[in-house]
């Protein structure tokens, strides 16, 4: 297995099957920014109000894969076989929930903390183990990590704008990437820590001007 993070923002992913597995895949894809077309025999539940989720209550047909970048077969074995065959005929990557080895890739158990995304995979051998590992990681990486990365994204743009020297820029970004900032975020809050980070950048700028 080769782990990779895909940018699915605005891309269409098609999920065939509206059971627990299919809906879980659809929600994960939406969290990653993809547009999702879900095809199944079940009517759309009232709580599924996401406009980015196209829910089609009808049997699978090849046209459902039109425009897709990724395909997820989460229906019955017979339907999944048809989905896989059609996806492969179009050169599309497909993930099969029931028989992972028959598809082209496996999805990971994911921990999301803002821009921090941690994926855990077992090559399809033991998805339950991957979920257990994810639960451990969820306890270790709290929401503060997401706040820190959000600030780092802002600071990176500021550093690139204000610090022209490449070596100095790297030094500043290393200082801002010190995990000690996590403790300060927990005790001082995001606004105060953001100001402290800006002072680090300003200090580097003054050093260049002197």
Protein backbone atom coordinates (compact mmCIF):
# COMPACT_ATOMS: atom_id res chain seq x y z
CA UNK A 1 0.00 0.00 0.00
CA UNK A 2 1.16 3.52 -0.83
CA UNK A 3 -0.36 6.15 1.48
CA UNK A 4 -1.43 9.38 -0.21
CA UNK A 5 -3.61 12.39 0.58
CA UNK A 6 -5.87 13.45 -2.29
CA UNK A 7 -7.17 16.95 -2.87
CA UNK A 8 -10.84 16.26 -3.59
CA UNK A 9 -12.08 19.81 -3.22
CA UNK A 10 -14.84 20.28 -5.77
CA UNK A 11 -14.31 16.81 -7.25
CA UNK A 12 -17.15 14.33 -7.66
CA UNK A 13 -17.04 11.07 -5.73
CA UNK A 14 -19.77 8.50 -6.31
CA UNK A 15 -20.95 6.16 -3.55
CA UNK A 16 -23.14 3.21 -4.47
CA UNK A 17 -25.06 1.95 -1.44
CA UNK A 18 -26.85 3.89 1.28
CA UNK A 19 -26.26 1.63 4.27
CA UNK A 20 -24.06 2.49 7.22
CA UNK A 21 -20.85 1.96 5.25
CA UNK A 22 -21.99 4.01 2.29
CA UNK A 23 -23.24 6.91 4.37
CA UNK A 24 -20.06 6.90 6.44
CA UNK A 25 -18.00 7.11 3.24
CA UNK A 26 -20.21 9.91 1.95
CA UNK A 27 -19.78 11.95 5.12
CA UNK A 28 -16.00 11.44 5.09
CA UNK A 29 -15.82 12.56 1.48
CA UNK A 30 -17.85 15.67 2.22
CA UNK A 31 -15.54 16.45 5.14
CA UNK A 32 -12.66 16.30 2.63
CA UNK A 33 -14.39 18.83 0.37
CA UNK A 34 -15.68 16.48 -2.33
CA UNK A 35 -19.06 16.67 -3.98
CA UNK A 36 -20.84 13.35 -3.44
CA UNK A 37 -23.42 11.46 -5.46
CA UNK A 38 -24.94 8.65 -3.39
CA UNK A 39 -27.02 6.06 -5.23
CA UNK A 40 -29.14 3.57 -3.30
CA UNK A 41 -32.61 2.09 -2.96
CA UNK A 42 -33.33 3.82 0.36
CA UNK A 43 -35.11 7.20 0.44
CA UNK A 44 -33.12 10.17 1.64
CA UNK A 45 -33.38 10.53 5.44
CA UNK A 46 -34.72 13.80 6.74
CA UNK A 47 -31.47 14.54 8.58
CA UNK A 48 -29.41 14.36 5.36
CA UNK A 49 -29.75 18.02 4.44
CA UNK A 50 -26.25 18.66 3.04
CA UNK A 51 -26.63 20.35 -0.35
CA UNK A 52 -23.28 18.89 -1.43
CA UNK A 53 -24.70 15.38 -1.13
CA UNK A 54 -26.73 14.35 -4.18
CA UNK A 55 -28.94 11.48 -3.03
CA UNK A 56 -30.47 9.37 -5.82
CA UNK A 57 -33.03 6.75 -4.81
CA UNK A 58 -32.78 4.34 -7.73
CA UNK A 59 -30.95 1.17 -8.82
CA UNK A 60 -27.35 1.52 -9.96
CA UNK A 61 -26.81 2.35 -13.63
CA UNK A 62 -23.55 3.07 -15.48
CA UNK A 63 -24.56 6.72 -16.01
CA UNK A 64 -24.25 7.28 -12.27
CA UNK A 65 -20.45 7.26 -12.70
CA UNK A 66 -20.48 10.11 -15.23
CA UNK A 67 -18.07 12.82 -14.10
CA UNK A 68 -16.72 10.83 -11.15
CA UNK A 69 -13.11 10.97 -9.98
CA UNK A 70 -13.45 8.25 -7.32
CA UNK A 71 -15.99 5.47 -6.84
CA UNK A 72 -17.04 3.59 -3.70
CA UNK A 73 -18.93 0.30 -3.99
CA UNK A 74 -20.84 -0.16 -0.73
CA UNK A 75 -23.88 -2.14 -1.88
CA UNK A 76 -24.58 -5.86 -2.20
CA UNK A 77 -21.94 -8.19 -3.64
CA UNK A 78 -23.67 -8.43 -7.02
CA UNK A 79 -24.10 -4.68 -7.37
CA UNK A 80 -20.54 -4.07 -6.22
CA UNK A 81 -19.23 -6.35 -8.97
CA UNK A 82 -21.08 -4.31 -11.56
CA UNK A 83 -19.84 -1.04 -10.07
CA UNK A 84 -16.23 -2.24 -10.06
CA UNK A 85 -16.44 -3.47 -13.64
CA UNK A 86 -17.97 -0.22 -14.86
CA UNK A 87 -15.45 1.91 -12.94
CA UNK A 88 -12.53 -0.05 -14.36
CA UNK A 89 -13.90 0.23 -17.88
CA UNK A 90 -13.78 4.02 -17.42
CA UNK A 91 -10.31 4.03 -15.86
CA UNK A 92 -11.68 5.13 -12.48
CA UNK A 93 -10.30 4.12 -9.11
CA UNK A 94 -12.82 2.20 -7.04
CA UNK A 95 -12.94 1.15 -3.40
CA UNK A 96 -15.03 -1.89 -2.48
CA UNK A 97 -16.32 -2.01 1.09
CA UNK A 98 -17.22 -5.71 1.10
CA UNK A 99 -14.14 -7.10 -0.66
CA UNK A 100 -11.31 -4.58 -0.37
CA UNK A 101 -8.92 -6.72 -2.43
CA UNK A 102 -11.20 -6.42 -5.48
CA UNK A 103 -10.83 -2.63 -5.58
CA UNK A 104 -7.91 -0.29 -6.26
CA UNK A 105 -7.45 1.34 -2.87
CA UNK A 106 -8.49 1.23 0.79
CA UNK A 107 -9.63 4.14 2.89
CA UNK A 108 -8.00 4.93 6.21
CA UNK A 109 -9.49 5.41 9.64
CA UNK A 110 -9.08 9.17 9.97
CA UNK A 111 -8.55 11.65 12.79
CA UNK A 112 -9.27 15.26 11.76
CA UNK A 113 -8.16 18.23 13.78
CA UNK A 114 -8.57 21.16 11.42
CA UNK A 115 -5.75 20.95 8.89
CA UNK A 116 -4.20 18.04 10.76
CA UNK A 117 -5.30 14.76 9.16
CA UNK A 118 -4.01 11.44 10.50
CA UNK A 119 -4.84 8.29 8.55
CA UNK A 120 -4.52 4.73 9.86
CA UNK A 121 -4.67 1.76 7.53
CA UNK A 122 -4.21 -2.01 7.74
CA UNK A 123 -4.27 -2.76 4.01
CA UNK A 124 -7.85 -3.95 4.35
CA UNK A 125 -6.82 -6.79 6.67
CA UNK A 126 -8.42 -5.49 9.86
CA UNK A 127 -10.51 -2.29 9.61
CA UNK A 128 -11.60 -2.75 13.25
CA UNK A 129 -7.96 -2.52 14.37
CA UNK A 130 -7.56 0.71 12.41
CA UNK A 131 -10.62 2.11 14.18
CA UNK A 132 -9.16 1.17 17.58
CA UNK A 133 -5.89 2.94 16.73
CA UNK A 134 -7.87 5.97 15.59
CA UNK A 135 -9.64 6.12 18.96
CA UNK A 136 -6.26 6.16 20.73
CA UNK A 137 -5.04 8.96 18.45
CA UNK A 138 -8.22 10.96 19.02
CA UNK A 139 -7.36 11.08 22.71
CA UNK A 140 -3.76 12.11 22.04
CA UNK A 141 -4.52 14.81 19.47
CA UNK A 142 -7.19 17.19 20.73
CA UNK A 143 -8.82 20.16 18.98
CA UNK A 144 -5.99 22.46 20.06
CA UNK A 145 -3.84 20.91 17.34
CA UNK A 146 -6.30 22.24 14.78
CA UNK A 147 -6.14 25.72 16.32
CA UNK A 148 -2.35 25.63 16.23
CA UNK A 149 -2.26 24.63 12.56
CA UNK A 150 -4.79 27.35 11.70
CA UNK A 151 -2.46 29.90 13.28
CA UNK A 152 0.55 28.39 11.54
CA UNK A 153 -1.21 28.74 8.19
CA UNK A 154 -1.68 32.46 8.92
CA UNK A 155 1.87 32.87 10.14
CA UNK A 156 3.37 31.08 7.14
CA UNK A 157 1.72 33.60 4.81
CA UNK A 158 2.96 36.46 6.99
CA UNK A 159 6.50 35.09 7.14
CA UNK A 160 6.65 34.72 3.36
CA UNK A 161 5.47 38.30 3.01
CA UNK A 162 7.73 39.88 5.64
CA UNK A 163 10.89 37.73 5.75
CA UNK A 164 12.82 37.63 2.48
CA UNK A 165 15.88 35.69 3.62
CA UNK A 166 15.24 31.97 3.06
CA UNK A 167 17.40 30.82 5.98
CA UNK A 168 15.79 33.29 8.38
CA UNK A 169 12.37 32.31 7.11
CA UNK A 170 13.08 28.66 7.86
CA UNK A 171 14.31 29.56 11.33
CA UNK A 172 11.15 31.53 12.15
CA UNK A 173 8.87 28.77 10.90
CA UNK A 174 10.80 26.24 13.00
CA UNK A 175 10.24 28.39 16.10
CA UNK A 176 6.53 28.66 15.36
CA UNK A 177 6.34 24.88 14.87
CA UNK A 178 7.64 24.14 18.38
CA UNK A 179 5.03 21.97 20.22
CA UNK A 180 5.43 24.27 23.23
CA UNK A 181 2.87 26.50 21.53
CA UNK A 182 0.25 23.84 22.24
CA UNK A 183 0.59 24.35 25.99
CA UNK A 184 0.31 28.10 25.54
CA UNK A 185 -2.83 27.67 23.44
CA UNK A 186 -4.43 25.61 26.17
CA UNK A 187 -3.59 28.14 28.87
CA UNK A 188 -3.77 31.47 27.03
CA UNK A 189 -6.16 30.93 24.14
CA UNK A 190 -5.91 31.40 20.40
CA UNK A 191 -6.01 35.21 20.29
CA UNK A 192 -3.16 35.70 22.75
CA UNK A 193 -1.00 33.04 21.15
CA UNK A 194 -1.63 34.51 17.71
CA UNK A 195 -0.31 37.84 18.93
CA UNK A 196 2.74 36.15 20.43
CA UNK A 197 3.45 34.42 17.13
CA UNK A 198 3.19 37.71 15.28
CA UNK A 199 5.77 39.21 17.65
CA UNK A 200 8.14 36.39 16.72
CA UNK A 201 7.73 37.30 13.05
CA UNK A 202 8.13 41.02 13.77
CA UNK A 203 11.29 40.34 15.76
CA UNK A 204 12.78 38.50 12.79
CA UNK A 205 11.84 41.41 10.53
CA UNK A 206 13.54 43.96 12.80
CA UNK A 207 16.65 41.81 12.85
CA UNK A 208 16.83 41.96 9.06
CA UNK A 209 16.31 45.72 8.97
CA UNK A 210 19.04 46.52 11.51
